[in-house]
Amino acid sequence: ELRPRFAPGVITGFMRIEGRPMGLIANDPH
């Protein structure tokens, strides 16, 4: 995860699915 304490309503970062690197963006309902 990138910048978890900044703008906590939007989560961003990098992940892998079946070994493939990808970017991730998600909304946090909290």
PDB file of all heavy atoms in Angstrom:
ATOM      1  N   GLU A   1       0.831  -1.205   0.000  1.00  0.00           N
ATOM      2  CA  GLU A   1       0.000   0.000   0.000  1.00  0.00           C
ATOM      3  C   GLU A   1       0.863   1.251   0.000  1.00  0.00           C
ATOM      4  O   GLU A   1       1.899   1.320   0.676  1.00  0.00           O
ATOM      5  CB  GLU A   1      -0.924   0.008   1.222  1.00  0.00           C
ATOM      6  CG  GLU A   1      -1.907   1.165   1.215  1.00  0.00           C
ATOM      7  CD  GLU A   1      -2.963   1.075   2.303  1.00  0.00           C
ATOM      8  OE1 GLU A   1      -2.986   0.059   3.021  1.00  0.00           O
ATOM      9  OE2 GLU A   1      -3.762   2.027   2.426  1.00  0.00           O
ATOM     10  N   LEU A   2       0.434   2.255  -0.746  1.00  0.00           N
ATOM     11  CA  LEU A   2       1.118   3.535  -0.816  1.00  0.00           C
ATOM     12  C   LEU A   2       0.327   4.599  -0.061  1.00  0.00           C
ATOM     13  O   LEU A   2      -0.898   4.686  -0.193  1.00  0.00           O
ATOM     14  CB  LEU A   2       1.282   3.974  -2.275  1.00  0.00           C
ATOM     15  CG  LEU A   2       2.033   3.013  -3.204  1.00  0.00           C
ATOM     16  CD1 LEU A   2       2.037   3.572  -4.633  1.00  0.00           C
ATOM     17  CD2 LEU A   2       3.453   2.762  -2.712  1.00  0.00           C
ATOM     18  N   ARG A   3       1.014   5.389   0.734  1.00  0.00           N
ATOM     19  CA  ARG A   3       0.414   6.518   1.455  1.00  0.00           C
ATOM     20  C   ARG A   3      -0.828   6.116   2.261  1.00  0.00           C
ATOM     21  O   ARG A   3      -1.902   6.713   2.107  1.00  0.00           O
ATOM     22  CB  ARG A   3       0.043   7.642   0.483  1.00  0.00           C
ATOM     23  CG  ARG A   3       1.196   8.166  -0.353  1.00  0.00           C
ATOM     24  CD  ARG A   3       0.742   9.300  -1.249  1.00  0.00           C
ATOM     25  NE  ARG A   3       1.831   9.811  -2.062  1.00  0.00           N
ATOM     26  CZ  ARG A   3       1.716  10.846  -2.897  1.00  0.00           C
ATOM     27  NH1 ARG A   3       0.555  11.455  -3.040  1.00  0.00           N
ATOM     28  NH2 ARG A   3       2.742  11.263  -3.598  1.00  0.00           N
ATOM     29  N   PRO A   4      -0.764   5.117   3.122  1.00  0.00           N
ATOM     30  CA  PRO A   4      -1.972   4.654   3.809  1.00  0.00           C
ATOM     31  C   PRO A   4      -2.607   5.688   4.732  1.00  0.00           C
ATOM     32  O   PRO A   4      -3.829   5.668   4.926  1.00  0.00           O
ATOM     33  CB  PRO A   4      -1.487   3.429   4.597  1.00  0.00           C
ATOM     34  CG  PRO A   4      -0.005   3.594   4.709  1.00  0.00           C
ATOM     35  CD  PRO A   4       0.416   4.309   3.467  1.00  0.00           C
ATOM     36  N   ARG A   5      -1.799   6.603   5.308  1.00  0.00           N
ATOM     37  CA  ARG A   5      -2.368   7.595   6.230  1.00  0.00           C
ATOM     38  C   ARG A   5      -2.854   8.849   5.514  1.00  0.00           C
ATOM     39  O   ARG A   5      -3.578   9.661   6.093  1.00  0.00           O
ATOM     40  CB  ARG A   5      -1.337   7.993   7.290  1.00  0.00           C
ATOM     41  CG  ARG A   5      -1.021   6.886   8.304  1.00  0.00           C
ATOM     42  CD  ARG A   5      -0.238   7.446   9.472  1.00  0.00           C
ATOM     43  NE  ARG A   5      -0.975   8.518  10.135  1.00  0.00           N
ATOM     44  CZ  ARG A   5      -0.406   9.557  10.760  1.00  0.00           C
ATOM     45  NH1 ARG A   5       0.929   9.665  10.781  1.00  0.00           N
ATOM     46  NH2 ARG A   5      -1.128  10.490  11.344  1.00  0.00           N
ATOM     47  N   PHE A   6      -2.469   9.023   4.272  1.00  0.00           N
ATOM     48  CA  PHE A   6      -2.904  10.171   3.481  1.00  0.00           C
ATOM     49  C   PHE A   6      -4.149   9.787   2.686  1.00  0.00           C
ATOM     50  O   PHE A   6      -4.206   8.718   2.082  1.00  0.00           O
ATOM     51  CB  PHE A   6      -1.787  10.604   2.538  1.00  0.00           C
ATOM     52  CG  PHE A   6      -2.180  11.651   1.538  1.00  0.00           C
ATOM     53  CD1 PHE A   6      -2.478  12.942   1.934  1.00  0.00           C
ATOM     54  CD2 PHE A   6      -2.264  11.344   0.187  1.00  0.00           C
ATOM     55  CE1 PHE A   6      -2.841  13.912   1.023  1.00  0.00           C
ATOM     56  CE2 PHE A   6      -2.617  12.300  -0.738  1.00  0.00           C
ATOM     57  CZ  PHE A   6      -2.913  13.584  -0.325  1.00  0.00           C
ATOM     58  N   ALA A   7      -5.169  10.651   2.688  1.00  0.00           N
ATOM     59  CA  ALA A   7      -6.396  10.396   1.929  1.00  0.00           C
ATOM     60  C   ALA A   7      -6.920   8.984   2.191  1.00  0.00           C
ATOM     61  O   ALA A   7      -6.991   8.155   1.273  1.00  0.00           O
ATOM     62  CB  ALA A   7      -6.161  10.622   0.436  1.00  0.00           C
ATOM     63  N   PRO A   8      -7.297   8.676   3.436  1.00  0.00           N
ATOM     64  CA  PRO A   8      -7.645   7.293   3.783  1.00  0.00           C
ATOM     65  C   PRO A   8      -8.881   6.753   3.086  1.00  0.00           C
ATOM     66  O   PRO A   8      -9.101   5.537   3.085  1.00  0.00           O
ATOM     67  CB  PRO A   8      -7.858   7.357   5.306  1.00  0.00           C
ATOM     68  CG  PRO A   8      -8.156   8.790   5.596  1.00  0.00           C
ATOM     69  CD  PRO A   8      -7.369   9.580   4.604  1.00  0.00           C
ATOM     70  N   GLY A   9      -9.690   7.596   2.458  1.00  0.00           N
ATOM     71  CA  GLY A   9     -10.873   7.111   1.754  1.00  0.00           C
ATOM     72  C   GLY A   9     -10.572   6.417   0.442  1.00  0.00           C
ATOM     73  O   GLY A   9     -11.425   5.720  -0.109  1.00  0.00           O
ATOM     74  N   VAL A  10      -9.344   6.609  -0.078  1.00  0.00           N
ATOM     75  CA  VAL A  10      -8.916   5.955  -1.314  1.00  0.00           C
ATOM     76  C   VAL A  10      -7.656   5.163  -1.006  1.00  0.00           C
ATOM     77  O   VAL A  10      -6.683   5.710  -0.489  1.00  0.00           O
ATOM     78  CB  VAL A  10      -8.652   6.968  -2.445  1.00  0.00           C
ATOM     79  CG1 VAL A  10      -8.063   6.280  -3.664  1.00  0.00           C
ATOM     80  CG2 VAL A  10      -9.943   7.687  -2.823  1.00  0.00           C
ATOM     81  N   ILE A  11      -7.676   3.888  -1.312  1.00  0.00           N
ATOM     82  CA  ILE A  11      -6.537   3.002  -1.089  1.00  0.00           C
ATOM     83  C   ILE A  11      -5.847   2.768  -2.430  1.00  0.00           C
ATOM     84  O   ILE A  11      -6.501   2.452  -3.423  1.00  0.00           O
ATOM     85  CB  ILE A  11      -6.992   1.665  -0.483  1.00  0.00           C
ATOM     86  CG1 ILE A  11      -7.605   1.897   0.901  1.00  0.00           C
ATOM     87  CG2 ILE A  11      -5.831   0.674  -0.397  1.00  0.00           C
ATOM     88  CD1 ILE A  11      -8.244   0.659   1.493  1.00  0.00           C
ATOM     89  N   THR A  12      -4.534   2.941  -2.457  1.00  0.00           N
ATOM     90  CA  THR A  12      -3.760   2.689  -3.682  1.00  0.00           C
ATOM     91  C   THR A  12      -2.532   1.851  -3.349  1.00  0.00           C
ATOM     92  O   THR A  12      -2.064   1.842  -2.204  1.00  0.00           O
ATOM     93  CB  THR A  12      -3.302   3.996  -4.356  1.00  0.00           C
ATOM     94  OG1 THR A  12      -2.421   4.707  -3.473  1.00  0.00           O
ATOM     95  CG2 THR A  12      -4.486   4.885  -4.715  1.00  0.00           C
ATOM     96  N   GLY A  13      -2.029   1.172  -4.353  1.00  0.00           N
ATOM     97  CA  GLY A  13      -0.816   0.393  -4.151  1.00  0.00           C
ATOM     98  C   GLY A  13      -0.566  -0.554  -5.305  1.00  0.00           C
ATOM     99  O   GLY A  13      -1.164  -0.430  -6.385  1.00  0.00           O
ATOM    100  N   PHE A  14       0.332  -1.491  -5.071  1.00  0.00           N
ATOM    101  CA  PHE A  14       0.674  -2.512  -6.056  1.00  0.00           C
ATOM    102  C   PHE A  14       0.347  -3.886  -5.493  1.00  0.00           C
ATOM    103  O   PHE A  14       0.412  -4.112  -4.282  1.00  0.00           O
ATOM    104  CB  PHE A  14       2.170  -2.457  -6.401  1.00  0.00           C
ATOM    105  CG  PHE A  14       2.642  -1.130  -6.899  1.00  0.00           C
ATOM    106  CD1 PHE A  14       3.565  -0.391  -6.177  1.00  0.00           C
ATOM    107  CD2 PHE A  14       2.170  -0.609  -8.091  1.00  0.00           C
ATOM    108  CE1 PHE A  14       4.014   0.836  -6.626  1.00  0.00           C
ATOM    109  CE2 PHE A  14       2.612   0.620  -8.561  1.00  0.00           C
ATOM    110  CZ  PHE A  14       3.533   1.346  -7.827  1.00  0.00           C
ATOM    111  N   MET A  15       0.015  -4.819  -6.374  1.00  0.00           N
ATOM    112  CA  MET A  15      -0.231  -6.187  -5.958  1.00  0.00           C
ATOM    113  C   MET A  15       0.081  -7.110  -7.136  1.00  0.00           C
ATOM    114  O   MET A  15       0.411  -6.659  -8.233  1.00  0.00           O
ATOM    115  CB  MET A  15      -1.689  -6.372  -5.524  1.00  0.00           C
ATOM    116  CG  MET A  15      -2.706  -6.226  -6.637  1.00  0.00           C
ATOM    117  SD  MET A  15      -4.370  -6.617  -6.046  1.00  0.00           S
ATOM    118  CE  MET A  15      -5.305  -6.548  -7.585  1.00  0.00           C
ATOM    119  N   ARG A  16      -0.036  -8.396  -6.892  1.00  0.00           N
ATOM    120  CA  ARG A  16       0.114  -9.386  -7.955  1.00  0.00           C
ATOM    121  C   ARG A  16      -1.104 -10.316  -7.971  1.00  0.00           C
ATOM    122  O   ARG A  16      -1.680 -10.593  -6.919  1.00  0.00           O
ATOM    123  CB  ARG A  16       1.381 -10.223  -7.759  1.00  0.00           C
ATOM    124  CG  ARG A  16       2.670  -9.440  -7.920  1.00  0.00           C
ATOM    125  CD  ARG A  16       3.882 -10.348  -7.767  1.00  0.00           C
ATOM    126  NE  ARG A  16       5.124  -9.587  -7.838  1.00  0.00           N
ATOM    127  CZ  ARG A  16       5.760  -9.312  -8.972  1.00  0.00           C
ATOM    128  NH1 ARG A  16       5.268  -9.752 -10.125  1.00  0.00           N
ATOM    129  NH2 ARG A  16       6.882  -8.621  -8.968  1.00  0.00           N
ATOM    130  N   ILE A  17      -1.458 -10.764  -9.158  1.00  0.00           N
ATOM    131  CA  ILE A  17      -2.459 -11.810  -9.323  1.00  0.00           C
ATOM    132  C   ILE A  17      -1.860 -12.858 -10.247  1.00  0.00           C
ATOM    133  O   ILE A  17      -1.482 -12.544 -11.383  1.00  0.00           O
ATOM    134  CB  ILE A  17      -3.779 -11.252  -9.876  1.00  0.00           C
ATOM    135  CG1 ILE A  17      -4.434 -10.349  -8.822  1.00  0.00           C
ATOM    136  CG2 ILE A  17      -4.728 -12.378 -10.268  1.00  0.00           C
ATOM    137  CD1 ILE A  17      -5.799  -9.832  -9.182  1.00  0.00           C
ATOM    138  N   GLU A  18      -1.721 -14.076  -9.715  1.00  0.00           N
ATOM    139  CA  GLU A  18      -1.014 -15.157 -10.406  1.00  0.00           C
ATOM    140  C   GLU A  18       0.365 -14.695 -10.875  1.00  0.00           C
ATOM    141  O   GLU A  18       0.808 -14.978 -11.988  1.00  0.00           O
ATOM    142  CB  GLU A  18      -1.840 -15.723 -11.565  1.00  0.00           C
ATOM    143  CG  GLU A  18      -3.080 -16.462 -11.098  1.00  0.00           C
ATOM    144  CD  GLU A  18      -3.718 -17.310 -12.181  1.00  0.00           C
ATOM    145  OE1 GLU A  18      -3.175 -17.371 -13.303  1.00  0.00           O
ATOM    146  OE2 GLU A  18      -4.763 -17.921 -11.905  1.00  0.00           O
ATOM    147  N   GLY A  19       1.033 -13.947  -9.990  1.00  0.00           N
ATOM    148  CA  GLY A  19       2.395 -13.500 -10.262  1.00  0.00           C
ATOM    149  C   GLY A  19       2.511 -12.265 -11.111  1.00  0.00           C
ATOM    150  O   GLY A  19       3.612 -11.711 -11.262  1.00  0.00           O
ATOM    151  N   ARG A  20       1.407 -11.775 -11.671  1.00  0.00           N
ATOM    152  CA  ARG A  20       1.453 -10.607 -12.559  1.00  0.00           C
ATOM    153  C   ARG A  20       1.320  -9.328 -11.744  1.00  0.00           C
ATOM    154  O   ARG A  20       0.366  -9.166 -10.990  1.00  0.00           O
ATOM    155  CB  ARG A  20       0.323 -10.683 -13.590  1.00  0.00           C
ATOM    156  CG  ARG A  20       0.432 -11.861 -14.562  1.00  0.00           C
ATOM    157  CD  ARG A  20      -0.854 -11.972 -15.361  1.00  0.00           C
ATOM    158  NE  ARG A  20      -0.762 -12.926 -16.455  1.00  0.00           N
ATOM    159  CZ  ARG A  20      -0.982 -14.223 -16.330  1.00  0.00           C
ATOM    160  NH1 ARG A  20      -1.270 -14.737 -15.136  1.00  0.00           N
ATOM    161  NH2 ARG A  20      -0.901 -15.025 -17.380  1.00  0.00           N
ATOM    162  N   PRO A  21       2.242  -8.369 -11.917  1.00  0.00           N
ATOM    163  CA  PRO A  21       2.149  -7.115 -11.160  1.00  0.00           C
ATOM    164  C   PRO A  21       1.042  -6.214 -11.693  1.00  0.00           C
ATOM    165  O   PRO A  21       0.821  -6.124 -12.910  1.00  0.00           O
ATOM    166  CB  PRO A  21       3.526  -6.478 -11.378  1.00  0.00           C
ATOM    167  CG  PRO A  21       3.986  -7.019 -12.698  1.00  0.00           C
ATOM    168  CD  PRO A  21       3.434  -8.409 -12.802  1.00  0.00           C
ATOM    169  N   MET A  22       0.347  -5.554 -10.782  1.00  0.00           N
ATOM    170  CA  MET A  22      -0.770  -4.691 -11.149  1.00  0.00           C
ATOM    171  C   MET A  22      -0.848  -3.515 -10.184  1.00  0.00           C
ATOM    172  O   MET A  22      -0.381  -3.588  -9.049  1.00  0.00           O
ATOM    173  CB  MET A  22      -2.097  -5.470 -11.105  1.00  0.00           C
ATOM    174  CG  MET A  22      -2.108  -6.764 -11.889  1.00  0.00           C
ATOM    175  SD  MET A  22      -3.740  -7.500 -11.987  1.00  0.00           S
ATOM    176  CE  MET A  22      -4.532  -6.382 -13.143  1.00  0.00           C
ATOM    177  N   GLY A  23      -1.463  -2.419 -10.645  1.00  0.00           N
ATOM    178  CA  GLY A  23      -1.817  -1.330  -9.755  1.00  0.00           C
ATOM    179  C   GLY A  23      -3.184  -1.594  -9.154  1.00  0.00           C
ATOM    180  O   GLY A  23      -4.020  -2.294  -9.746  1.00  0.00           O
ATOM    181  N   LEU A  24      -3.424  -1.027  -7.986  1.00  0.00           N
ATOM    182  CA  LEU A  24      -4.695  -1.237  -7.283  1.00  0.00           C
ATOM    183  C   LEU A  24      -5.216   0.092  -6.766  1.00  0.00           C
ATOM    184  O   LEU A  24      -4.472   0.875  -6.166  1.00  0.00           O
ATOM    185  CB  LEU A  24      -4.496  -2.229  -6.141  1.00  0.00           C
ATOM    186  CG  LEU A  24      -5.655  -2.668  -5.231  1.00  0.00           C
ATOM    187  CD1 LEU A  24      -6.050  -1.627  -4.179  1.00  0.00           C
ATOM    188  CD2 LEU A  24      -6.892  -3.068  -6.042  1.00  0.00           C
ATOM    189  N   ILE A  25      -6.496   0.364  -7.007  1.00  0.00           N
ATOM    190  CA  ILE A  25      -7.169   1.498  -6.394  1.00  0.00           C
ATOM    191  C   ILE A  25      -8.500   1.006  -5.851  1.00  0.00           C
ATOM    192  O   ILE A  25      -9.177   0.175  -6.488  1.00  0.00           O
ATOM    193  CB  ILE A  25      -7.370   2.657  -7.402  1.00  0.00           C
ATOM    194  CG1 ILE A  25      -8.012   3.867  -6.697  1.00  0.00           C
ATOM    195  CG2 ILE A  25      -8.187   2.224  -8.614  1.00  0.00           C
ATOM    196  CD1 ILE A  25      -8.026   5.132  -7.543  1.00  0.00           C
ATOM    197  N   ALA A  26      -8.854   1.453  -4.656  1.00  0.00           N
ATOM    198  CA  ALA A  26     -10.090   0.996  -4.020  1.00  0.00           C
ATOM    199  C   ALA A  26     -10.636   2.094  -3.124  1.00  0.00           C
ATOM    200  O   ALA A  26      -9.878   2.916  -2.596  1.00  0.00           O
ATOM    201  CB  ALA A  26      -9.845  -0.279  -3.209  1.00  0.00           C
ATOM    202  N   ASN A  27     -11.928   2.094  -2.942  1.00  0.00           N
ATOM    203  CA  ASN A  27     -12.568   2.990  -1.974  1.00  0.00           C
ATOM    204  C   ASN A  27     -12.640   2.296  -0.619  1.00  0.00           C
ATOM    205  O   ASN A  27     -12.839   1.084  -0.550  1.00  0.00           O
ATOM    206  CB  ASN A  27     -13.988   3.352  -2.412  1.00  0.00           C
ATOM    207  CG  ASN A  27     -14.043   3.945  -3.800  1.00  0.00           C
ATOM    208  OD1 ASN A  27     -14.554   3.309  -4.717  1.00  0.00           O
ATOM    209  ND2 ASN A  27     -13.527   5.151  -3.957  1.00  0.00           N
ATOM    210  N   ASP A  28     -12.457   3.071   0.439  1.00  0.00           N
ATOM    211  CA  ASP A  28     -12.566   2.527   1.791  1.00  0.00           C
ATOM    212  C   ASP A  28     -13.814   3.093   2.459  1.00  0.00           C
ATOM    213  O   ASP A  28     -13.854   4.284   2.800  1.00  0.00           O
ATOM    214  CB  ASP A  28     -11.338   2.884   2.617  1.00  0.00           C
ATOM    215  CG  ASP A  28     -11.318   2.174   3.966  1.00  0.00           C
ATOM    216  OD1 ASP A  28     -12.343   1.555   4.327  1.00  0.00           O
ATOM    217  OD2 ASP A  28     -10.283   2.219   4.648  1.00  0.00           O
ATOM    218  N   PRO A  29     -14.857   2.273   2.661  1.00  0.00           N
ATOM    219  CA  PRO A  29     -16.107   2.788   3.247  1.00  0.00           C
ATOM    220  C   PRO A  29     -15.976   3.234   4.693  1.00  0.00           C
ATOM    221  O   PRO A  29     -16.897   3.856   5.221  1.00  0.00           O
ATOM    222  CB  PRO A  29     -17.071   1.601   3.115  1.00  0.00           C
ATOM    223  CG  PRO A  29     -16.199   0.398   3.009  1.00  0.00           C
ATOM    224  CD  PRO A  29     -14.946   0.854   2.315  1.00  0.00           C
ATOM    225  N   HIS A  30     -14.829   2.959   5.335  1.00  0.00           N
ATOM    226  CA  HIS A  30     -14.629   3.425   6.703  1.00  0.00           C
ATOM    227  C   HIS A  30     -14.462   4.944   6.770  1.00  0.00           C
ATOM    228  O   HIS A  30     -14.669   5.538   7.831  1.00  0.00           O
ATOM    229  CB  HIS A  30     -13.395   2.764   7.326  1.00  0.00           C
ATOM    230  CG  HIS A  30     -13.643   1.384   7.846  1.00  0.00           C
ATOM    231  ND1 HIS A  30     -13.372   0.255   7.115  1.00  0.00           N
ATOM    232  CD2 HIS A  30     -14.161   0.953   9.023  1.00  0.00           C
ATOM    233  CE1 HIS A  30     -13.683  -0.814   7.818  1.00  0.00           C
ATOM    234  NE2 HIS A  30     -14.174  -0.420   8.973  1.00  0.00           N
TER     235      HIS A  30
END
